[in-house]
N, C-alpha and C. Protein backbone atom coordinates (compact mmCIF):
# COMPACT_ATOMS: atom_id res chain seq x y z
N UNK A 1 14.19 8.65 -3.92
CA UNK A 1 13.44 7.55 -3.36
C UNK A 1 12.03 8.01 -3.03
N UNK A 2 11.35 7.26 -2.17
CA UNK A 2 9.96 7.54 -1.87
C UNK A 2 9.82 8.78 -0.99
N UNK A 3 9.12 9.77 -1.50
CA UNK A 3 8.81 10.98 -0.76
C UNK A 3 7.39 10.84 -0.24
N UNK A 4 7.26 10.40 1.01
CA UNK A 4 5.93 10.14 1.57
C UNK A 4 5.05 11.38 1.58
N UNK A 5 5.65 12.55 1.71
CA UNK A 5 4.86 13.78 1.74
C UNK A 5 4.16 14.03 0.41
N UNK A 6 4.71 13.49 -0.67
CA UNK A 6 4.12 13.69 -2.00
C UNK A 6 2.99 12.70 -2.29
N UNK A 7 2.79 11.74 -1.41
CA UNK A 7 1.76 10.71 -1.62
C UNK A 7 0.45 11.18 -1.00
N UNK A 8 -0.59 11.25 -1.84
CA UNK A 8 -1.90 11.68 -1.36
C UNK A 8 -2.66 10.56 -0.64
N UNK A 9 -2.63 9.36 -1.23
CA UNK A 9 -3.42 8.25 -0.70
C UNK A 9 -2.65 6.95 -0.81
N UNK A 10 -3.08 5.97 0.02
CA UNK A 10 -2.51 4.62 -0.03
C UNK A 10 -3.66 3.65 -0.18
N UNK A 11 -3.57 2.78 -1.17
CA UNK A 11 -4.60 1.77 -1.41
C UNK A 11 -3.98 0.38 -1.34
N UNK A 12 -4.67 -0.52 -0.64
CA UNK A 12 -4.26 -1.92 -0.58
C UNK A 12 -5.16 -2.72 -1.51
N UNK A 13 -4.55 -3.56 -2.32
CA UNK A 13 -5.30 -4.52 -3.12
C UNK A 13 -5.57 -5.71 -2.21
N UNK A 14 -6.81 -5.90 -1.83
CA UNK A 14 -7.17 -6.97 -0.90
C UNK A 14 -6.98 -8.33 -1.55
N UNK A 15 -6.76 -9.33 -0.72
CA UNK A 15 -6.55 -10.67 -1.23
C UNK A 15 -5.17 -10.80 -1.86
N UNK A 16 -4.96 -11.88 -2.59
CA UNK A 16 -3.66 -12.16 -3.18
C UNK A 16 -3.58 -11.62 -4.60
N UNK A 17 -2.40 -11.13 -4.96
CA UNK A 17 -2.11 -10.66 -6.31
C UNK A 17 -0.95 -11.48 -6.85
N UNK A 18 -1.02 -11.80 -8.12
CA UNK A 18 0.09 -12.49 -8.78
C UNK A 18 1.23 -11.50 -8.95
N UNK A 19 2.28 -11.64 -8.14
CA UNK A 19 3.37 -10.67 -8.15
C UNK A 19 4.36 -10.91 -9.29
N UNK A 20 4.05 -11.84 -10.18
CA UNK A 20 4.86 -11.95 -11.40
C UNK A 20 4.56 -10.76 -12.32
N UNK A 21 3.45 -10.06 -12.03
CA UNK A 21 3.11 -8.87 -12.82
C UNK A 21 4.14 -7.77 -12.57
N UNK A 22 4.46 -7.05 -13.63
CA UNK A 22 5.38 -5.93 -13.51
C UNK A 22 4.56 -4.64 -13.49
N UNK A 23 5.21 -3.54 -13.80
CA UNK A 23 4.57 -2.23 -13.74
C UNK A 23 3.29 -2.19 -14.58
N UNK A 24 3.38 -2.62 -15.84
CA UNK A 24 2.22 -2.54 -16.72
C UNK A 24 1.06 -3.38 -16.22
N UNK A 25 1.34 -4.59 -15.76
CA UNK A 25 0.28 -5.47 -15.26
C UNK A 25 -0.39 -4.92 -14.01
N UNK A 26 0.41 -4.38 -13.09
CA UNK A 26 -0.15 -3.82 -11.87
C UNK A 26 -0.92 -2.53 -12.16
N UNK A 27 -0.41 -1.70 -13.06
CA UNK A 27 -1.12 -0.47 -13.44
C UNK A 27 -2.46 -0.81 -14.09
N UNK A 28 -2.49 -1.89 -14.90
CA UNK A 28 -3.74 -2.32 -15.51
C UNK A 28 -4.73 -2.79 -14.45
N UNK A 29 -4.26 -3.49 -13.41
CA UNK A 29 -5.14 -3.90 -12.30
C UNK A 29 -5.74 -2.68 -11.62
N UNK A 30 -4.91 -1.68 -11.37
CA UNK A 30 -5.39 -0.46 -10.71
C UNK A 30 -6.50 0.17 -11.53
N UNK A 31 -6.28 0.28 -12.82
CA UNK A 31 -7.25 0.95 -13.69
C UNK A 31 -8.49 0.11 -13.94
N UNK A 32 -8.32 -1.16 -14.31
CA UNK A 32 -9.45 -1.98 -14.73
C UNK A 32 -10.20 -2.63 -13.58
N UNK A 33 -9.48 -3.15 -12.59
CA UNK A 33 -10.16 -3.84 -11.49
C UNK A 33 -10.68 -2.90 -10.42
N UNK A 34 -9.92 -1.82 -10.16
CA UNK A 34 -10.31 -0.93 -9.07
C UNK A 34 -10.89 0.39 -9.56
N UNK A 35 -10.82 0.64 -10.87
CA UNK A 35 -11.38 1.87 -11.43
C UNK A 35 -10.68 3.12 -10.95
N UNK A 36 -9.37 3.02 -10.70
CA UNK A 36 -8.59 4.15 -10.22
C UNK A 36 -7.55 4.55 -11.26
N UNK A 37 -6.98 5.71 -11.05
CA UNK A 37 -5.97 6.24 -11.95
C UNK A 37 -4.58 5.86 -11.45
N UNK A 38 -3.85 4.99 -12.16
CA UNK A 38 -2.51 4.61 -11.70
C UNK A 38 -1.50 5.76 -11.78
N UNK A 39 -1.86 6.88 -12.47
CA UNK A 39 -0.98 8.03 -12.59
C UNK A 39 -1.24 9.08 -11.51
N UNK A 40 -2.09 8.76 -10.54
CA UNK A 40 -2.35 9.68 -9.43
C UNK A 40 -1.18 9.63 -8.45
N UNK A 41 -1.16 10.54 -7.52
CA UNK A 41 -0.12 10.58 -6.49
C UNK A 41 -0.48 9.63 -5.35
N UNK A 42 -0.69 8.37 -5.69
CA UNK A 42 -1.12 7.36 -4.72
C UNK A 42 -0.20 6.16 -4.76
N UNK A 43 -0.07 5.52 -3.60
CA UNK A 43 0.63 4.24 -3.52
C UNK A 43 -0.41 3.14 -3.70
N UNK A 44 -0.09 2.16 -4.51
CA UNK A 44 -0.94 0.98 -4.69
C UNK A 44 -0.13 -0.21 -4.23
N UNK A 45 -0.63 -0.90 -3.20
CA UNK A 45 0.14 -1.95 -2.53
C UNK A 45 -0.50 -3.30 -2.81
N UNK A 46 0.33 -4.26 -3.23
CA UNK A 46 -0.13 -5.59 -3.60
C UNK A 46 0.65 -6.63 -2.79
N UNK A 47 -0.01 -7.73 -2.43
CA UNK A 47 0.61 -8.79 -1.64
C UNK A 47 0.39 -10.14 -2.33
N UNK A 48 1.35 -11.04 -2.19
CA UNK A 48 1.22 -12.36 -2.81
C UNK A 48 0.38 -13.31 -1.95
N UNK A 49 0.13 -14.50 -2.46
CA UNK A 49 -0.73 -15.47 -1.78
C UNK A 49 -0.15 -15.92 -0.43
N UNK A 50 1.16 -16.12 -0.36
CA UNK A 50 1.79 -16.55 0.89
C UNK A 50 1.94 -15.41 1.88
N UNK A 51 1.65 -14.19 1.44
CA UNK A 51 1.71 -12.98 2.27
C UNK A 51 3.11 -12.75 2.86
N UNK A 52 4.14 -13.05 2.05
CA UNK A 52 5.50 -12.76 2.48
C UNK A 52 6.22 -11.80 1.53
N UNK A 53 5.50 -11.32 0.50
CA UNK A 53 6.08 -10.39 -0.47
C UNK A 53 5.07 -9.29 -0.80
N UNK A 54 5.59 -8.10 -1.05
CA UNK A 54 4.77 -6.96 -1.44
C UNK A 54 5.38 -6.28 -2.65
N UNK A 55 4.53 -5.68 -3.46
CA UNK A 55 4.95 -4.73 -4.48
C UNK A 55 4.13 -3.47 -4.28
N UNK A 56 4.80 -2.33 -4.42
CA UNK A 56 4.15 -1.03 -4.27
C UNK A 56 4.40 -0.24 -5.55
N UNK A 57 3.32 0.22 -6.14
CA UNK A 57 3.39 0.96 -7.40
C UNK A 57 3.12 2.44 -7.13
N UNK A 58 3.94 3.31 -7.71
CA UNK A 58 3.80 4.75 -7.54
C UNK A 58 4.23 5.46 -8.81
N UNK A 59 3.40 6.37 -9.30
CA UNK A 59 3.78 7.24 -10.42
C UNK A 59 4.42 8.48 -9.86
N UNK A 60 5.57 8.88 -10.43
CA UNK A 60 6.23 10.10 -9.99
C UNK A 60 6.80 10.83 -11.20
N UNK A 61 6.29 11.99 -11.50
CA UNK A 61 6.74 12.91 -12.55
C UNK A 61 6.73 12.30 -13.96
N UNK A 62 7.66 11.42 -14.24
CA UNK A 62 7.79 10.93 -15.60
C UNK A 62 7.97 9.41 -15.70
N UNK A 63 7.62 8.72 -14.63
CA UNK A 63 7.75 7.26 -14.67
C UNK A 63 7.23 6.62 -13.40
N UNK A 64 7.10 5.31 -13.46
CA UNK A 64 6.63 4.54 -12.31
C UNK A 64 7.80 4.09 -11.44
N UNK A 65 7.55 4.06 -10.15
CA UNK A 65 8.41 3.37 -9.19
C UNK A 65 7.73 2.04 -8.90
N UNK A 66 8.51 0.99 -8.77
CA UNK A 66 7.99 -0.30 -8.35
C UNK A 66 8.88 -0.79 -7.21
N UNK A 67 8.32 -0.72 -6.01
CA UNK A 67 9.05 -1.16 -4.81
C UNK A 67 8.69 -2.61 -4.55
N UNK A 68 9.67 -3.38 -4.09
CA UNK A 68 9.48 -4.80 -3.82
C UNK A 68 10.00 -5.09 -2.43
N UNK A 69 9.22 -5.79 -1.63
CA UNK A 69 9.63 -6.15 -0.27
C UNK A 69 9.40 -7.63 -0.07
N UNK A 70 10.44 -8.33 0.37
CA UNK A 70 10.33 -9.75 0.68
C UNK A 70 10.73 -9.94 2.13
N UNK A 71 9.86 -10.57 2.91
CA UNK A 71 10.18 -10.88 4.30
C UNK A 71 11.03 -12.14 4.34
N UNK A 72 12.09 -12.10 5.10
CA UNK A 72 12.93 -13.30 5.26
C UNK A 72 12.30 -14.27 6.25
N UNK A 73 11.56 -13.74 7.20
CA UNK A 73 10.83 -14.57 8.16
C UNK A 73 9.49 -13.89 8.41
N UNK A 74 8.47 -14.69 8.66
CA UNK A 74 7.16 -14.15 8.99
C UNK A 74 6.34 -13.83 7.76
N UNK A 75 5.15 -13.29 8.05
CA UNK A 75 4.19 -12.96 6.99
C UNK A 75 3.44 -11.70 7.38
N UNK A 76 2.81 -11.10 6.37
CA UNK A 76 1.92 -9.96 6.62
C UNK A 76 0.57 -10.54 7.03
N UNK A 77 0.41 -10.87 8.31
CA UNK A 77 -0.78 -11.57 8.80
C UNK A 77 -2.04 -10.74 8.71
N UNK A 78 -1.92 -9.46 8.79
CA UNK A 78 -3.10 -8.60 8.86
C UNK A 78 -3.60 -8.15 7.49
N UNK A 79 -3.15 -8.79 6.42
CA UNK A 79 -3.55 -8.35 5.08
C UNK A 79 -5.04 -8.60 4.85
N UNK A 80 -5.81 -7.60 4.42
CA UNK A 80 -7.25 -7.78 4.15
C UNK A 80 -7.46 -8.83 3.06
N UNK A 81 -8.43 -9.71 3.25
CA UNK A 81 -8.58 -10.87 2.38
C UNK A 81 -9.74 -10.82 1.41
N UNK A 82 -10.48 -9.73 1.28
CA UNK A 82 -11.60 -9.64 0.35
C UNK A 82 -11.04 -9.55 -1.07
N UNK A 83 -10.99 -10.66 -1.82
CA UNK A 83 -10.36 -10.63 -3.14
C UNK A 83 -11.09 -9.73 -4.12
N UNK A 84 -10.32 -9.08 -4.99
CA UNK A 84 -10.90 -8.24 -6.03
C UNK A 84 -11.33 -6.87 -5.55
N UNK A 85 -11.00 -6.50 -4.33
CA UNK A 85 -11.41 -5.23 -3.76
C UNK A 85 -10.15 -4.46 -3.36
N UNK A 86 -10.32 -3.18 -3.10
CA UNK A 86 -9.22 -2.38 -2.57
C UNK A 86 -9.77 -1.52 -1.44
N UNK A 87 -8.89 -1.18 -0.51
CA UNK A 87 -9.27 -0.29 0.58
C UNK A 87 -8.24 0.82 0.69
N UNK A 88 -8.70 1.97 1.15
CA UNK A 88 -7.80 3.09 1.37
C UNK A 88 -7.37 3.09 2.83
N UNK A 89 -6.06 3.26 3.05
CA UNK A 89 -5.53 3.35 4.40
C UNK A 89 -4.64 4.59 4.47
N UNK A 90 -4.20 4.92 5.67
CA UNK A 90 -3.29 6.05 5.85
C UNK A 90 -1.85 5.59 5.67
N UNK A 91 -0.95 6.54 5.50
CA UNK A 91 0.48 6.20 5.43
C UNK A 91 0.94 5.57 6.74
N UNK A 92 0.39 6.05 7.82
CA UNK A 92 0.73 5.50 9.14
C UNK A 92 0.29 4.04 9.24
N UNK A 93 -0.92 3.73 8.78
CA UNK A 93 -1.39 2.35 8.79
C UNK A 93 -0.52 1.47 7.91
N UNK A 94 -0.02 2.00 6.78
CA UNK A 94 0.88 1.23 5.93
C UNK A 94 2.15 0.89 6.69
N UNK A 95 2.70 1.85 7.42
CA UNK A 95 3.91 1.57 8.21
C UNK A 95 3.64 0.48 9.24
N UNK A 96 2.46 0.54 9.89
CA UNK A 96 2.11 -0.52 10.85
C UNK A 96 2.06 -1.88 10.16
N UNK A 97 1.40 -1.92 9.02
CA UNK A 97 1.26 -3.17 8.27
C UNK A 97 2.63 -3.72 7.88
N UNK A 98 3.51 -2.86 7.40
CA UNK A 98 4.85 -3.29 7.01
C UNK A 98 5.66 -3.78 8.20
N UNK A 99 5.32 -3.32 9.40
CA UNK A 99 6.00 -3.78 10.61
C UNK A 99 5.33 -5.01 11.22
N UNK A 100 4.32 -5.56 10.53
CA UNK A 100 3.67 -6.78 11.01
C UNK A 100 2.56 -6.53 12.01
N UNK A 101 2.09 -5.31 12.09
CA UNK A 101 1.04 -4.96 13.04
C UNK A 101 -0.31 -4.88 12.33
N UNK A 102 -1.35 -4.79 13.13
CA UNK A 102 -2.70 -4.63 12.63
C UNK A 102 -2.90 -3.22 12.08
N UNK A 103 -3.85 -3.10 11.16
CA UNK A 103 -4.19 -1.77 10.64
C UNK A 103 -4.83 -0.90 11.71
N UNK A 104 -5.42 -1.51 12.70
CA UNK A 104 -6.07 -0.78 13.80
C UNK A 104 -5.27 -0.97 15.08
N UNK A 105 -4.49 0.03 15.43
CA UNK A 105 -3.69 -0.02 16.66
C UNK A 105 -4.45 0.71 17.76
N UNK A 106 -5.05 -0.05 18.64
CA UNK A 106 -5.88 0.55 19.69
C UNK A 106 -5.05 1.26 20.75
N UNK A 107 -3.75 0.95 20.82
CA UNK A 107 -2.90 1.57 21.83
C UNK A 107 -2.00 2.66 21.26
N UNK A 108 -2.10 2.93 19.99
CA UNK A 108 -1.27 3.97 19.38
C UNK A 108 -1.84 5.35 19.71
N UNK A 109 -0.96 6.31 19.80
CA UNK A 109 -1.42 7.67 20.02
C UNK A 109 -2.11 8.17 18.76
N UNK A 110 -3.19 8.87 18.94
CA UNK A 110 -3.91 9.44 17.81
C UNK A 110 -3.13 10.63 17.25
N UNK A 111 -3.30 10.86 15.96
CA UNK A 111 -2.64 11.98 15.32
C UNK A 111 -3.23 13.28 15.85
N UNK A 112 -2.38 14.22 16.16
CA UNK A 112 -2.80 15.53 16.66
C UNK A 112 -2.47 16.56 15.59
N UNK A 113 -3.45 17.35 15.24
CA UNK A 113 -3.23 18.40 14.24
C UNK A 113 -3.30 19.75 14.93
N UNK A 114 -2.31 19.99 15.78
CA UNK A 114 -2.26 21.22 16.54
C UNK A 114 -1.91 22.40 15.64
N UNK A 115 -2.54 23.52 15.89
CA UNK A 115 -2.29 24.73 15.11
C UNK A 115 -1.72 25.85 15.96
N UNK A 116 -1.68 25.66 17.27
CA UNK A 116 -1.13 26.68 18.14
C UNK A 116 -0.24 26.01 19.18
N UNK A 117 0.64 26.79 19.77
CA UNK A 117 1.51 26.32 20.84
C UNK A 117 1.04 26.96 22.12
N UNK A 118 0.95 26.17 23.17
CA UNK A 118 0.50 26.71 24.46
C UNK A 118 1.56 27.51 25.16
């Protein structure tokens, strides 16, 4: 399944994406619309117009993973709406977004990169 440690970057496709597209269609969007490499160790996240479904594209070793998420209730309210653009977010921000939260959590603890123990 998804090994988050192997993922270098997470990109959101802003605005709505036609989720009838499969792996090839989404990979073509990544390459042609965003000028990125769909074979990189990155997650590419797409959302539909109603903002209740997501597809996540990931290349791993010898093939693509295509993850699909459908909300039974609610919507991804915080989805960036600039159509035709993409933004880079952290894996942590993706988890927030998937939980229905804002990309900017002002009350969340900041990541600590400690190198020593007191």
